[in-house]
Amino acid sequence: MATNTTQDHLSQDDKDLQQEFHKLINMSASELKKWLSTDESKSMGQKKEGAEESIGHQSGEQIVGLLDQKKKGVSEDDLHQMKRVVSYIKRHLAQRPADVVGSNWEYSLKNWGHDPTRK
């Protein structure tokens, strides 16, 4: 089990990662929880062999946890998840389709905590 680190003991790179994570996640924990309960959310994404839940949906659940934990400090696992989320969102934002609303692209990003229809 990873131990939590206080903000004071994080490297500048880790602090920058946290800042970018919170900038890209534009859904609140409650909004994301609500989204993750929809059929659209559950129907999206790739599933690991034998898994019932998609990778993106699992990630969304982890993001809710990260958003809910406030300033308790972060673990190495938390930082790893934040890095995965930032990388995923940035990659997918670069692939923006012509029609966003109702697209698999929109739904997939929302599973990762980013609503691309928000200004």
PDB file of N, CA and C in Angstrom:
ATOM      1  N   MET A   1       0.845  -1.186   0.000  1.00  0.00           N
ATOM      2  CA  MET A   1       0.000   0.000   0.000  1.00  0.00           C
ATOM      3  C   MET A   1       0.886   1.243   0.000  1.00  0.00           C
ATOM      4  N   ALA A   2       0.576   2.167  -0.873  1.00  0.00           N
ATOM      5  CA  ALA A   2       1.379   3.377  -0.996  1.00  0.00           C
ATOM      6  C   ALA A   2       1.074   4.332   0.155  1.00  0.00           C
ATOM      7  N   THR A   3       2.104   5.009   0.584  1.00  0.00           N
ATOM      8  CA  THR A   3       1.912   5.987   1.651  1.00  0.00           C
ATOM      9  C   THR A   3       1.632   7.351   1.051  1.00  0.00           C
ATOM     10  N   ASN A   4       0.892   8.141   1.791  1.00  0.00           N
ATOM     11  CA  ASN A   4       0.581   9.490   1.340  1.00  0.00           C
ATOM     12  C   ASN A   4       1.740  10.420   1.639  1.00  0.00           C
ATOM     13  N   THR A   5       1.913  11.391   0.773  1.00  0.00           N
ATOM     14  CA  THR A   5       2.960  12.381   0.900  1.00  0.00           C
ATOM     15  C   THR A   5       2.303  13.739   1.062  1.00  0.00           C
ATOM     16  N   THR A   6       2.809  14.546   1.963  1.00  0.00           N
ATOM     17  CA  THR A   6       2.253  15.888   2.101  1.00  0.00           C
ATOM     18  C   THR A   6       2.703  16.745   0.932  1.00  0.00           C
ATOM     19  N   GLN A   7       1.979  17.794   0.676  1.00  0.00           N
ATOM     20  CA  GLN A   7       2.323  18.708  -0.407  1.00  0.00           C
ATOM     21  C   GLN A   7       3.752  19.229  -0.276  1.00  0.00           C
ATOM     22  N   ASP A   8       4.205  19.429   0.969  1.00  0.00           N
ATOM     23  CA  ASP A   8       5.539  19.987   1.202  1.00  0.00           C
ATOM     24  C   ASP A   8       6.652  19.079   0.701  1.00  0.00           C
ATOM     25  N   HIS A   9       6.383  17.784   0.605  1.00  0.00           N
ATOM     26  CA  HIS A   9       7.412  16.824   0.224  1.00  0.00           C
ATOM     27  C   HIS A   9       7.328  16.390  -1.237  1.00  0.00           C
ATOM     28  N   LEU A  10       6.473  17.006  -2.004  1.00  0.00           N
ATOM     29  CA  LEU A  10       6.361  16.664  -3.421  1.00  0.00           C
ATOM     30  C   LEU A  10       7.414  17.415  -4.222  1.00  0.00           C
ATOM     31  N   SER A  11       7.894  16.767  -5.283  1.00  0.00           N
ATOM     32  CA  SER A  11       8.804  17.451  -6.197  1.00  0.00           C
ATOM     33  C   SER A  11       8.025  18.498  -6.988  1.00  0.00           C
ATOM     34  N   GLN A  12       8.741  19.411  -7.611  1.00  0.00           N
ATOM     35  CA  GLN A  12       8.069  20.410  -8.437  1.00  0.00           C
ATOM     36  C   GLN A  12       7.336  19.739  -9.595  1.00  0.00           C
ATOM     37  N   ASP A  13       7.899  18.689 -10.153  1.00  0.00           N
ATOM     38  CA  ASP A  13       7.233  17.956 -11.240  1.00  0.00           C
ATOM     39  C   ASP A  13       5.903  17.367 -10.766  1.00  0.00           C
ATOM     40  N   ASP A  14       5.890  16.828  -9.541  1.00  0.00           N
ATOM     41  CA  ASP A  14       4.653  16.265  -8.997  1.00  0.00           C
ATOM     42  C   ASP A  14       3.618  17.354  -8.747  1.00  0.00           C
ATOM     43  N   LYS A  15       4.066  18.502  -8.269  1.00  0.00           N
ATOM     44  CA  LYS A  15       3.151  19.626  -8.048  1.00  0.00           C
ATOM     45  C   LYS A  15       2.587  20.118  -9.380  1.00  0.00           C
ATOM     46  N   ASP A  16       3.447  20.174 -10.410  1.00  0.00           N
ATOM     47  CA  ASP A  16       2.993  20.587 -11.744  1.00  0.00           C
ATOM     48  C   ASP A  16       1.979  19.586 -12.297  1.00  0.00           C
ATOM     49  N   LEU A  17       2.239  18.301 -12.080  1.00  0.00           N
ATOM     50  CA  LEU A  17       1.323  17.254 -12.526  1.00  0.00           C
ATOM     51  C   LEU A  17      -0.034  17.418 -11.860  1.00  0.00           C
ATOM     52  N   GLN A  18      -0.056  17.640 -10.554  1.00  0.00           N
ATOM     53  CA  GLN A  18      -1.323  17.841  -9.840  1.00  0.00           C
ATOM     54  C   GLN A  18      -2.071  19.048 -10.395  1.00  0.00           C
ATOM     55  N   GLN A  19      -1.357  20.123 -10.658  1.00  0.00           N
ATOM     56  CA  GLN A  19      -1.985  21.336 -11.180  1.00  0.00           C
ATOM     57  C   GLN A  19      -2.598  21.066 -12.558  1.00  0.00           C
ATOM     58  N   GLU A  20      -1.866  20.366 -13.413  1.00  0.00           N
ATOM     59  CA  GLU A  20      -2.383  20.053 -14.747  1.00  0.00           C
ATOM     60  C   GLU A  20      -3.583  19.112 -14.657  1.00  0.00           C
ATOM     61  N   PHE A  21      -3.519  18.144 -13.781  1.00  0.00           N
ATOM     62  CA  PHE A  21      -4.632  17.219 -13.562  1.00  0.00           C
ATOM     63  C   PHE A  21      -5.891  18.002 -13.204  1.00  0.00           C
ATOM     64  N   HIS A  22      -5.781  18.892 -12.230  1.00  0.00           N
ATOM     65  CA  HIS A  22      -6.959  19.637 -11.777  1.00  0.00           C
ATOM     66  C   HIS A  22      -7.435  20.659 -12.816  1.00  0.00           C
ATOM     67  N   LYS A  23      -6.549  21.079 -13.695  1.00  0.00           N
ATOM     68  CA  LYS A  23      -6.948  21.978 -14.785  1.00  0.00           C
ATOM     69  C   LYS A  23      -7.743  21.205 -15.848  1.00  0.00           C
ATOM     70  N   LEU A  24      -7.303  19.997 -16.167  1.00  0.00           N
ATOM     71  CA  LEU A  24      -7.965  19.200 -17.206  1.00  0.00           C
ATOM     72  C   LEU A  24      -9.260  18.551 -16.735  1.00  0.00           C
ATOM     73  N   ILE A  25      -9.342  18.226 -15.459  1.00  0.00           N
ATOM     74  CA  ILE A  25     -10.571  17.636 -14.914  1.00  0.00           C
ATOM     75  C   ILE A  25     -11.542  18.783 -14.679  1.00  0.00           C
ATOM     76  N   ASN A  26     -12.528  18.897 -15.555  1.00  0.00           N
ATOM     77  CA  ASN A  26     -13.469  20.022 -15.457  1.00  0.00           C
ATOM     78  C   ASN A  26     -14.862  19.575 -14.993  1.00  0.00           C
ATOM     79  N   MET A  27     -14.921  18.379 -14.432  1.00  0.00           N
ATOM     80  CA  MET A  27     -16.167  17.882 -13.839  1.00  0.00           C
ATOM     81  C   MET A  27     -15.926  17.724 -12.340  1.00  0.00           C
ATOM     82  N   SER A  28     -16.930  18.057 -11.540  1.00  0.00           N
ATOM     83  CA  SER A  28     -16.815  17.852 -10.100  1.00  0.00           C
ATOM     84  C   SER A  28     -16.962  16.362  -9.801  1.00  0.00           C
ATOM     85  N   ALA A  29     -16.598  15.971  -8.598  1.00  0.00           N
ATOM     86  CA  ALA A  29     -16.748  14.572  -8.200  1.00  0.00           C
ATOM     87  C   ALA A  29     -18.204  14.129  -8.328  1.00  0.00           C
ATOM     88  N   SER A  30     -19.139  14.983  -7.911  1.00  0.00           N
ATOM     89  CA  SER A  30     -20.551  14.591  -7.986  1.00  0.00           C
ATOM     90  C   SER A  30     -21.029  14.506  -9.438  1.00  0.00           C
ATOM     91  N   GLU A  31     -20.582  15.416 -10.297  1.00  0.00           N
ATOM     92  CA  GLU A  31     -20.955  15.349 -11.721  1.00  0.00           C
ATOM     93  C   GLU A  31     -20.406  14.072 -12.354  1.00  0.00           C
ATOM     94  N   LEU A  32     -19.166  13.755 -12.027  1.00  0.00           N
ATOM     95  CA  LEU A  32     -18.546  12.566 -12.599  1.00  0.00           C
ATOM     96  C   LEU A  32     -19.234  11.298 -12.095  1.00  0.00           C
ATOM     97  N   LYS A  33     -19.560  11.240 -10.807  1.00  0.00           N
ATOM     98  CA  LYS A  33     -20.300  10.089 -10.268  1.00  0.00           C
ATOM     99  C   LYS A  33     -21.615   9.906 -11.010  1.00  0.00           C
ATOM    100  N   LYS A  34     -22.338  10.996 -11.205  1.00  0.00           N
ATOM    101  CA  LYS A  34     -23.617  10.939 -11.908  1.00  0.00           C
ATOM    102  C   LYS A  34     -23.418  10.432 -13.345  1.00  0.00           C
ATOM    103  N   TRP A  35     -22.420  10.975 -14.041  1.00  0.00           N
ATOM    104  CA  TRP A  35     -22.127  10.551 -15.406  1.00  0.00           C
ATOM    105  C   TRP A  35     -21.790   9.066 -15.449  1.00  0.00           C
ATOM    106  N   LEU A  36     -20.949   8.599 -14.531  1.00  0.00           N
ATOM    107  CA  LEU A  36     -20.509   7.204 -14.525  1.00  0.00           C
ATOM    108  C   LEU A  36     -21.661   6.221 -14.300  1.00  0.00           C
ATOM    109  N   SER A  37     -22.785   6.709 -13.788  1.00  0.00           N
ATOM    110  CA  SER A  37     -23.943   5.832 -13.563  1.00  0.00           C
ATOM    111  C   SER A  37     -24.828   5.710 -14.807  1.00  0.00           C
ATOM    112  N   THR A  38     -24.518   6.474 -15.870  1.00  0.00           N
ATOM    113  CA  THR A  38     -25.353   6.435 -17.076  1.00  0.00           C
ATOM    114  C   THR A  38     -25.004   5.253 -17.977  1.00  0.00           C
ATOM    115  N   ASP A  39     -25.962   4.853 -18.788  1.00  0.00           N
ATOM    116  CA  ASP A  39     -25.722   3.784 -19.757  1.00  0.00           C
ATOM    117  C   ASP A  39     -24.669   4.202 -20.775  1.00  0.00           C
ATOM    118  N   GLU A  40     -24.670   5.486 -21.167  1.00  0.00           N
ATOM    119  CA  GLU A  40     -23.689   5.979 -22.135  1.00  0.00           C
ATOM    120  C   GLU A  40     -22.274   5.790 -21.598  1.00  0.00           C
ATOM    121  N   SER A  41     -22.082   6.123 -20.346  1.00  0.00           N
ATOM    122  CA  SER A  41     -20.761   5.970 -19.733  1.00  0.00           C
ATOM    123  C   SER A  41     -20.345   4.507 -19.683  1.00  0.00           C
ATOM    124  N   LYS A  42     -21.252   3.670 -19.246  1.00  0.00           N
ATOM    125  CA  LYS A  42     -20.934   2.250 -19.077  1.00  0.00           C
ATOM    126  C   LYS A  42     -20.691   1.536 -20.403  1.00  0.00           C
ATOM    127  N   SER A  43     -21.228   2.085 -21.484  1.00  0.00           N
ATOM    128  CA  SER A  43     -21.084   1.434 -22.788  1.00  0.00           C
ATOM    129  C   SER A  43     -19.766   1.778 -23.482  1.00  0.00           C
ATOM    130  N   MET A  44     -19.029   2.733 -22.948  1.00  0.00           N
ATOM    131  CA  MET A  44     -17.822   3.224 -23.612  1.00  0.00           C
ATOM    132  C   MET A  44     -16.563   2.518 -23.156  1.00  0.00           C
ATOM    133  N   GLY A  45     -15.624   2.409 -24.084  1.00  0.00           N
ATOM    134  CA  GLY A  45     -14.261   2.033 -23.748  1.00  0.00           C
ATOM    135  C   GLY A  45     -13.917   0.572 -23.897  1.00  0.00           C
ATOM    136  N   GLN A  46     -12.622   0.361 -23.847  1.00  0.00           N
ATOM    137  CA  GLN A  46     -12.069  -0.984 -23.955  1.00  0.00           C
ATOM    138  C   GLN A  46     -12.081  -1.653 -22.596  1.00  0.00           C
ATOM    139  N   LYS A  47     -12.289  -2.954 -22.625  1.00  0.00           N
ATOM    140  CA  LYS A  47     -12.286  -3.735 -21.398  1.00  0.00           C
ATOM    141  C   LYS A  47     -11.117  -4.698 -21.426  1.00  0.00           C
ATOM    142  N   LYS A  48     -10.456  -4.835 -20.284  1.00  0.00           N
ATOM    143  CA  LYS A  48      -9.418  -5.855 -20.172  1.00  0.00           C
ATOM    144  C   LYS A  48     -10.102  -7.206 -20.263  1.00  0.00           C
ATOM    145  N   GLU A  49      -9.370  -8.189 -20.744  1.00  0.00           N
ATOM    146  CA  GLU A  49      -9.937  -9.526 -20.903  1.00  0.00           C
ATOM    147  C   GLU A  49     -10.539 -10.017 -19.587  1.00  0.00           C
ATOM    148  N   GLY A  50     -11.799 -10.413 -19.640  1.00  0.00           N
ATOM    149  CA  GLY A  50     -12.497 -10.921 -18.469  1.00  0.00           C
ATOM    150  C   GLY A  50     -13.113  -9.855 -17.577  1.00  0.00           C
ATOM    151  N   ALA A  51     -12.853  -8.589 -17.862  1.00  0.00           N
ATOM    152  CA  ALA A  51     -13.388  -7.501 -17.031  1.00  0.00           C
ATOM    153  C   ALA A  51     -14.777  -7.110 -17.509  1.00  0.00           C
ATOM    154  N   GLU A  52     -15.606  -6.701 -16.574  1.00  0.00           N
ATOM    155  CA  GLU A  52     -16.944  -6.232 -16.925  1.00  0.00           C
ATOM    156  C   GLU A  52     -16.989  -4.724 -17.101  1.00  0.00           C
ATOM    157  N   GLU A  53     -16.017  -4.037 -16.527  1.00  0.00           N
ATOM    158  CA  GLU A  53     -15.989  -2.575 -16.561  1.00  0.00           C
ATOM    159  C   GLU A  53     -14.839  -2.120 -17.455  1.00  0.00           C
ATOM    160  N   SER A  54     -15.076  -1.080 -18.264  1.00  0.00           N
ATOM    161  CA  SER A  54     -14.033  -0.580 -19.163  1.00  0.00           C
ATOM    162  C   SER A  54     -12.925   0.107 -18.373  1.00  0.00           C
ATOM    163  N   ILE A  55     -11.788   0.226 -19.005  1.00  0.00           N
ATOM    164  CA  ILE A  55     -10.630   0.893 -18.398  1.00  0.00           C
ATOM    165  C   ILE A  55     -10.979   2.345 -18.069  1.00  0.00           C
ATOM    166  N   GLY A  56     -11.652   3.033 -18.984  1.00  0.00           N
ATOM    167  CA  GLY A  56     -12.021   4.429 -18.758  1.00  0.00           C
ATOM    168  C   GLY A  56     -13.010   4.588 -17.616  1.00  0.00           C
ATOM    169  N   HIS A  57     -13.949   3.655 -17.517  1.00  0.00           N
ATOM    170  CA  HIS A  57     -14.934   3.721 -16.439  1.00  0.00           C
ATOM    171  C   HIS A  57     -14.243   3.492 -15.092  1.00  0.00           C
ATOM    172  N   GLN A  58     -13.327   2.539 -15.034  1.00  0.00           N
ATOM    173  CA  GLN A  58     -12.553   2.299 -13.815  1.00  0.00           C
ATOM    174  C   GLN A  58     -11.744   3.545 -13.456  1.00  0.00           C
ATOM    175  N   SER A  59     -11.147   4.149 -14.471  1.00  0.00           N
ATOM    176  CA  SER A  59     -10.369   5.362 -14.238  1.00  0.00           C
ATOM    177  C   SER A  59     -11.245   6.470 -13.675  1.00  0.00           C
ATOM    178  N   GLY A  60     -12.459   6.603 -14.200  1.00  0.00           N
ATOM    179  CA  GLY A  60     -13.392   7.607 -13.700  1.00  0.00           C
ATOM    180  C   GLY A  60     -13.677   7.423 -12.225  1.00  0.00           C
ATOM    181  N   GLU A  61     -13.838   6.172 -11.808  1.00  0.00           N
ATOM    182  CA  GLU A  61     -14.065   5.880 -10.388  1.00  0.00           C
ATOM    183  C   GLU A  61     -12.861   6.313  -9.556  1.00  0.00           C
ATOM    184  N   GLN A  62     -11.658   6.077 -10.081  1.00  0.00           N
ATOM    185  CA  GLN A  62     -10.446   6.489  -9.365  1.00  0.00           C
ATOM    186  C   GLN A  62     -10.348   8.017  -9.310  1.00  0.00           C
ATOM    187  N   ILE A  63     -10.745   8.684 -10.380  1.00  0.00           N
ATOM    188  CA  ILE A  63     -10.711  10.145 -10.415  1.00  0.00           C
ATOM    189  C   ILE A  63     -11.659  10.718  -9.364  1.00  0.00           C
ATOM    190  N   VAL A  64     -12.844  10.125  -9.233  1.00  0.00           N
ATOM    191  CA  VAL A  64     -13.779  10.566  -8.190  1.00  0.00           C
ATOM    192  C   VAL A  64     -13.083  10.487  -6.828  1.00  0.00           C
ATOM    193  N   GLY A  65     -12.389   9.408  -6.583  1.00  0.00           N
ATOM    194  CA  GLY A  65     -11.663   9.256  -5.325  1.00  0.00           C
ATOM    195  C   GLY A  65     -10.610  10.323  -5.137  1.00  0.00           C
ATOM    196  N   LEU A  66      -9.881  10.640  -6.202  1.00  0.00           N
ATOM    197  CA  LEU A  66      -8.854  11.680  -6.117  1.00  0.00           C
ATOM    198  C   LEU A  66      -9.476  13.046  -5.845  1.00  0.00           C
ATOM    199  N   LEU A  67     -10.603  13.321  -6.483  1.00  0.00           N
ATOM    200  CA  LEU A  67     -11.271  14.607  -6.274  1.00  0.00           C
ATOM    201  C   LEU A  67     -11.852  14.704  -4.868  1.00  0.00           C
ATOM    202  N   ASP A  68     -12.299  13.589  -4.330  1.00  0.00           N
ATOM    203  CA  ASP A  68     -12.908  13.568  -2.996  1.00  0.00           C
ATOM    204  C   ASP A  68     -11.890  13.664  -1.862  1.00  0.00           C
ATOM    205  N   GLN A  69     -10.651  13.308  -2.124  1.00  0.00           N
ATOM    206  CA  GLN A  69      -9.688  13.239  -1.023  1.00  0.00           C
ATOM    207  C   GLN A  69      -9.148  14.584  -0.579  1.00  0.00           C
ATOM    208  N   LYS A  70      -9.438  15.629  -1.321  1.00  0.00           N
ATOM    209  CA  LYS A  70      -9.033  16.995  -0.963  1.00  0.00           C
ATOM    210  C   LYS A  70      -7.521  17.094  -0.779  1.00  0.00           C
ATOM    211  N   LYS A  71      -7.081  17.667   0.312  1.00  0.00           N
ATOM    212  CA  LYS A  71      -5.666  17.970   0.513  1.00  0.00           C
ATOM    213  C   LYS A  71      -4.981  17.019   1.496  1.00  0.00           C
ATOM    214  N   LYS A  72      -5.465  15.782   1.606  1.00  0.00           N
ATOM    215  CA  LYS A  72      -4.882  14.844   2.566  1.00  0.00           C
ATOM    216  C   LYS A  72      -3.459  14.448   2.207  1.00  0.00           C
ATOM    217  N   GLY A  73      -3.026  14.768   1.051  1.00  0.00           N
ATOM    218  CA  GLY A  73      -1.751  14.277   0.566  1.00  0.00           C
ATOM    219  C   GLY A  73      -2.005  13.229  -0.497  1.00  0.00           C
ATOM    220  N   VAL A  74      -1.027  12.969  -1.305  1.00  0.00           N
ATOM    221  CA  VAL A  74      -1.191  12.013  -2.398  1.00  0.00           C
ATOM    222  C   VAL A  74      -0.155  10.907  -2.278  1.00  0.00           C
ATOM    223  N   SER A  75      -0.531   9.748  -2.753  1.00  0.00           N
ATOM    224  CA  SER A  75       0.376   8.599  -2.760  1.00  0.00           C
ATOM    225  C   SER A  75       1.049   8.511  -4.137  1.00  0.00           C
ATOM    226  N   GLU A  76       2.029   7.648  -4.216  1.00  0.00           N
ATOM    227  CA  GLU A  76       2.671   7.384  -5.510  1.00  0.00           C
ATOM    228  C   GLU A  76       1.640   6.841  -6.496  1.00  0.00           C
ATOM    229  N   ASP A  77       0.711   6.007  -6.009  1.00  0.00           N
ATOM    230  CA  ASP A  77      -0.355   5.470  -6.865  1.00  0.00           C
ATOM    231  C   ASP A  77      -1.253   6.595  -7.393  1.00  0.00           C
ATOM    232  N   ASP A  78      -1.554   7.572  -6.524  1.00  0.00           N
ATOM    233  CA  ASP A  78      -2.366   8.717  -6.940  1.00  0.00           C
ATOM    234  C   ASP A  78      -1.652   9.490  -8.047  1.00  0.00           C
ATOM    235  N   LEU A  79      -0.366   9.728  -7.856  1.00  0.00           N
ATOM    236  CA  LEU A  79       0.409  10.471  -8.862  1.00  0.00           C
ATOM    237  C   LEU A  79       0.470   9.702 -10.178  1.00  0.00           C
ATOM    238  N   HIS A  80       0.606   8.388 -10.094  1.00  0.00           N
ATOM    239  CA  HIS A  80       0.615   7.558 -11.300  1.00  0.00           C
ATOM    240  C   HIS A  80      -0.715   7.679 -12.043  1.00  0.00           C
ATOM    241  N   GLN A  81      -1.828   7.620 -11.301  1.00  0.00           N
ATOM    242  CA  GLN A  81      -3.150   7.759 -11.924  1.00  0.00           C
ATOM    243  C   GLN A  81      -3.308   9.149 -12.535  1.00  0.00           C
ATOM    244  N   MET A  82      -2.869  10.181 -11.837  1.00  0.00           N
ATOM    245  CA  MET A  82      -2.963  11.538 -12.380  1.00  0.00           C
ATOM    246  C   MET A  82      -2.191  11.636 -13.696  1.00  0.00           C
ATOM    247  N   LYS A  83      -1.035  11.016 -13.754  1.00  0.00           N
ATOM    248  CA  LYS A  83      -0.221  11.039 -14.977  1.00  0.00           C
ATOM    249  C   LYS A  83      -0.953  10.329 -16.121  1.00  0.00           C
ATOM    250  N   ARG A  84      -1.574   9.184 -15.831  1.00  0.00           N
ATOM    251  CA  ARG A  84      -2.348   8.450 -16.842  1.00  0.00           C
ATOM    252  C   ARG A  84      -3.493   9.315 -17.366  1.00  0.00           C
ATOM    253  N   VAL A  85      -4.193   9.976 -16.446  1.00  0.00           N
ATOM    254  CA  VAL A  85      -5.357  10.789 -16.809  1.00  0.00           C
ATOM    255  C   VAL A  85      -4.929  11.967 -17.676  1.00  0.00           C
ATOM    256  N   VAL A  86      -3.898  12.676 -17.270  1.00  0.00           N
ATOM    257  CA  VAL A  86      -3.414  13.828 -18.037  1.00  0.00           C
ATOM    258  C   VAL A  86      -2.996  13.383 -19.438  1.00  0.00           C
ATOM    259  N   SER A  87      -2.267  12.294 -19.524  1.00  0.00           N
ATOM    260  CA  SER A  87      -1.809  11.783 -20.816  1.00  0.00           C
ATOM    261  C   SER A  87      -2.992  11.410 -21.711  1.00  0.00           C
ATOM    262  N   TYR A  88      -3.971  10.701 -21.161  1.00  0.00           N
ATOM    263  CA  TYR A  88      -5.139  10.278 -21.921  1.00  0.00           C
ATOM    264  C   TYR A  88      -5.914  11.484 -22.443  1.00  0.00           C
ATOM    265  N   ILE A  89      -6.211  12.423 -21.561  1.00  0.00           N
ATOM    266  CA  ILE A  89      -7.011  13.588 -21.967  1.00  0.00           C
ATOM    267  C   ILE A  89      -6.287  14.389 -23.037  1.00  0.00           C
ATOM    268  N   LYS A  90      -5.012  14.635 -22.868  1.00  0.00           N
ATOM    269  CA  LYS A  90      -4.254  15.413 -23.860  1.00  0.00           C
ATOM    270  C   LYS A  90      -4.250  14.712 -25.219  1.00  0.00           C
ATOM    271  N   ARG A  91      -4.015  13.396 -25.228  1.00  0.00           N
ATOM    272  CA  ARG A  91      -4.012  12.628 -26.479  1.00  0.00           C
ATOM    273  C   ARG A  91      -5.354  12.727 -27.184  1.00  0.00           C
ATOM    274  N   HIS A  92      -6.428  12.565 -26.434  1.00  0.00           N
ATOM    275  CA  HIS A  92      -7.755  12.559 -27.041  1.00  0.00           C
ATOM    276  C   HIS A  92      -8.232  13.949 -27.444  1.00  0.00           C
ATOM    277  N   LEU A  93      -7.832  14.970 -26.720  1.00  0.00           N
ATOM    278  CA  LEU A  93      -8.197  16.331 -27.135  1.00  0.00           C
ATOM    279  C   LEU A  93      -7.595  16.670 -28.496  1.00  0.00           C
ATOM    280  N   ALA A  94      -6.457  16.092 -28.801  1.00  0.00           N
ATOM    281  CA  ALA A  94      -5.796  16.337 -30.085  1.00  0.00           C
ATOM    282  C   ALA A  94      -6.518  15.641 -31.241  1.00  0.00           C
ATOM    283  N   GLN A  95      -7.471  14.765 -30.939  1.00  0.00           N
ATOM    284  CA  GLN A  95      -8.195  14.002 -31.964  1.00  0.00           C
ATOM    285  C   GLN A  95      -9.654  14.448 -32.068  1.00  0.00           C
ATOM    286  N   ARG A  96      -9.921  15.701 -31.787  1.00  0.00           N
ATOM    287  CA  ARG A  96     -11.289  16.226 -31.744  1.00  0.00           C
ATOM    288  C   ARG A  96     -12.014  15.987 -33.071  1.00  0.00           C
ATOM    289  N   PRO A  97     -13.186  15.338 -33.023  1.00  0.00           N
ATOM    290  CA  PRO A  97     -13.956  15.118 -34.249  1.00  0.00           C
ATOM    291  C   PRO A  97     -14.760  16.371 -34.625  1.00  0.00           C
ATOM    292  N   ALA A  98     -15.313  16.362 -35.806  1.00  0.00           N
ATOM    293  CA  ALA A  98     -16.126  17.498 -36.262  1.00  0.00           C
ATOM    294  C   ALA A  98     -17.396  17.619 -35.417  1.00  0.00           C
ATOM    295  N   ASP A  99     -18.035  16.505 -35.157  1.00  0.00           N
ATOM    296  CA  ASP A  99     -19.263  16.497 -34.356  1.00  0.00           C
ATOM    297  C   ASP A  99     -18.951  15.908 -32.981  1.00  0.00           C
ATOM    298  N   VAL A 100     -18.974  16.767 -31.969  1.00  0.00           N
ATOM    299  CA  VAL A 100     -18.588  16.366 -30.620  1.00  0.00           C
ATOM    300  C   VAL A 100     -19.763  15.819 -29.810  1.00  0.00           C
ATOM    301  N   VAL A 101     -20.870  16.555 -29.789  1.00  0.00           N
ATOM    302  CA  VAL A 101     -21.988  16.230 -28.907  1.00  0.00           C
ATOM    303  C   VAL A 101     -22.562  14.857 -29.247  1.00  0.00           C
ATOM    304  N   GLY A 102     -22.610  13.987 -28.243  1.00  0.00           N
ATOM    305  CA  GLY A 102     -23.150  12.648 -28.430  1.00  0.00           C
ATOM    306  C   GLY A 102     -22.184  11.661 -29.051  1.00  0.00           C
ATOM    307  N   SER A 103     -20.955  12.078 -29.268  1.00  0.00           N
ATOM    308  CA  SER A 103     -19.979  11.192 -29.910  1.00  0.00           C
ATOM    309  C   SER A 103     -19.309  10.276 -28.887  1.00  0.00           C
ATOM    310  N   ASN A 104     -18.786   9.163 -29.376  1.00  0.00           N
ATOM    311  CA  ASN A 104     -18.005   8.272 -28.519  1.00  0.00           C
ATOM    312  C   ASN A 104     -16.822   9.028 -27.925  1.00  0.00           C
ATOM    313  N   TRP A 105     -16.247   9.948 -28.686  1.00  0.00           N
ATOM    314  CA  TRP A 105     -15.115  10.761 -28.238  1.00  0.00           C
ATOM    315  C   TRP A 105     -15.514  11.569 -27.001  1.00  0.00           C
ATOM    316  N   GLU A 106     -16.673  12.224 -27.066  1.00  0.00           N
ATOM    317  CA  GLU A 106     -17.155  13.004 -25.915  1.00  0.00           C
ATOM    318  C   GLU A 106     -17.365  12.098 -24.711  1.00  0.00           C
ATOM    319  N   TYR A 107     -18.055  10.984 -24.908  1.00  0.00           N
ATOM    320  CA  TYR A 107     -18.380  10.091 -23.807  1.00  0.00           C
ATOM    321  C   TYR A 107     -17.115   9.505 -23.175  1.00  0.00           C
ATOM    322  N   SER A 108     -16.155   9.159 -24.003  1.00  0.00           N
ATOM    323  CA  SER A 108     -14.908   8.604 -23.492  1.00  0.00           C
ATOM    324  C   SER A 108     -14.166   9.625 -22.629  1.00  0.00           C
ATOM    325  N   LEU A 109     -14.067  10.851 -23.114  1.00  0.00           N
ATOM    326  CA  LEU A 109     -13.402  11.894 -22.324  1.00  0.00           C
ATOM    327  C   LEU A 109     -14.126  12.153 -21.010  1.00  0.00           C
ATOM    328  N   LYS A 110     -15.441  12.129 -21.047  1.00  0.00           N
ATOM    329  CA  LYS A 110     -16.197  12.350 -19.815  1.00  0.00           C
ATOM    330  C   LYS A 110     -15.929  11.241 -18.796  1.00  0.00           C
ATOM    331  N   ASN A 111     -15.717  10.008 -19.265  1.00  0.00           N
ATOM    332  CA  ASN A 111     -15.365   8.931 -18.335  1.00  0.00           C
ATOM    333  C   ASN A 111     -14.057   9.235 -17.609  1.00  0.00           C
ATOM    334  N   TRP A 112     -13.206  10.034 -18.244  1.00  0.00           N
ATOM    335  CA  TRP A 112     -11.912  10.398 -17.662  1.00  0.00           C
ATOM    336  C   TRP A 112     -11.977  11.764 -16.966  1.00  0.00           C
ATOM    337  N   GLY A 113     -13.189  12.291 -16.755  1.00  0.00           N
ATOM    338  CA  GLY A 113     -13.361  13.505 -15.966  1.00  0.00           C
ATOM    339  C   GLY A 113     -13.295  14.812 -16.722  1.00  0.00           C
ATOM    340  N   HIS A 114     -13.249  14.740 -18.055  1.00  0.00           N
ATOM    341  CA  HIS A 114     -13.167  15.967 -18.861  1.00  0.00           C
ATOM    342  C   HIS A 114     -14.370  16.054 -19.789  1.00  0.00           C
ATOM    343  N   ASP A 115     -15.166  17.085 -19.610  1.00  0.00           N
ATOM    344  CA  ASP A 115     -16.322  17.329 -20.481  1.00  0.00           C
ATOM    345  C   ASP A 115     -15.889  18.306 -21.573  1.00  0.00           C
ATOM    346  N   PRO A 116     -15.698  17.828 -22.815  1.00  0.00           N
ATOM    347  CA  PRO A 116     -15.185  18.671 -23.875  1.00  0.00           C
ATOM    348  C   PRO A 116     -16.200  19.700 -24.384  1.00  0.00           C
ATOM    349  N   THR A 117     -17.438  19.618 -23.932  1.00  0.00           N
ATOM    350  CA  THR A 117     -18.453  20.590 -24.370  1.00  0.00           C
ATOM    351  C   THR A 117     -18.450  21.833 -23.473  1.00  0.00           C
ATOM    352  N   ARG A 118     -17.666  21.808 -22.412  1.00  0.00           N
ATOM    353  CA  ARG A 118     -17.589  22.970 -21.507  1.00  0.00           C
ATOM    354  C   ARG A 118     -16.599  23.978 -22.017  1.00  0.00           C
ATOM    355  N   LYS A 119     -16.933  25.241 -21.780  1.00  0.00           N
ATOM    356  CA  LYS A 119     -16.023  26.328 -22.171  1.00  0.00           C
ATOM    357  C   LYS A 119     -15.000  26.541 -21.096  1.00  0.00           C
TER     358      LYS A 119
END
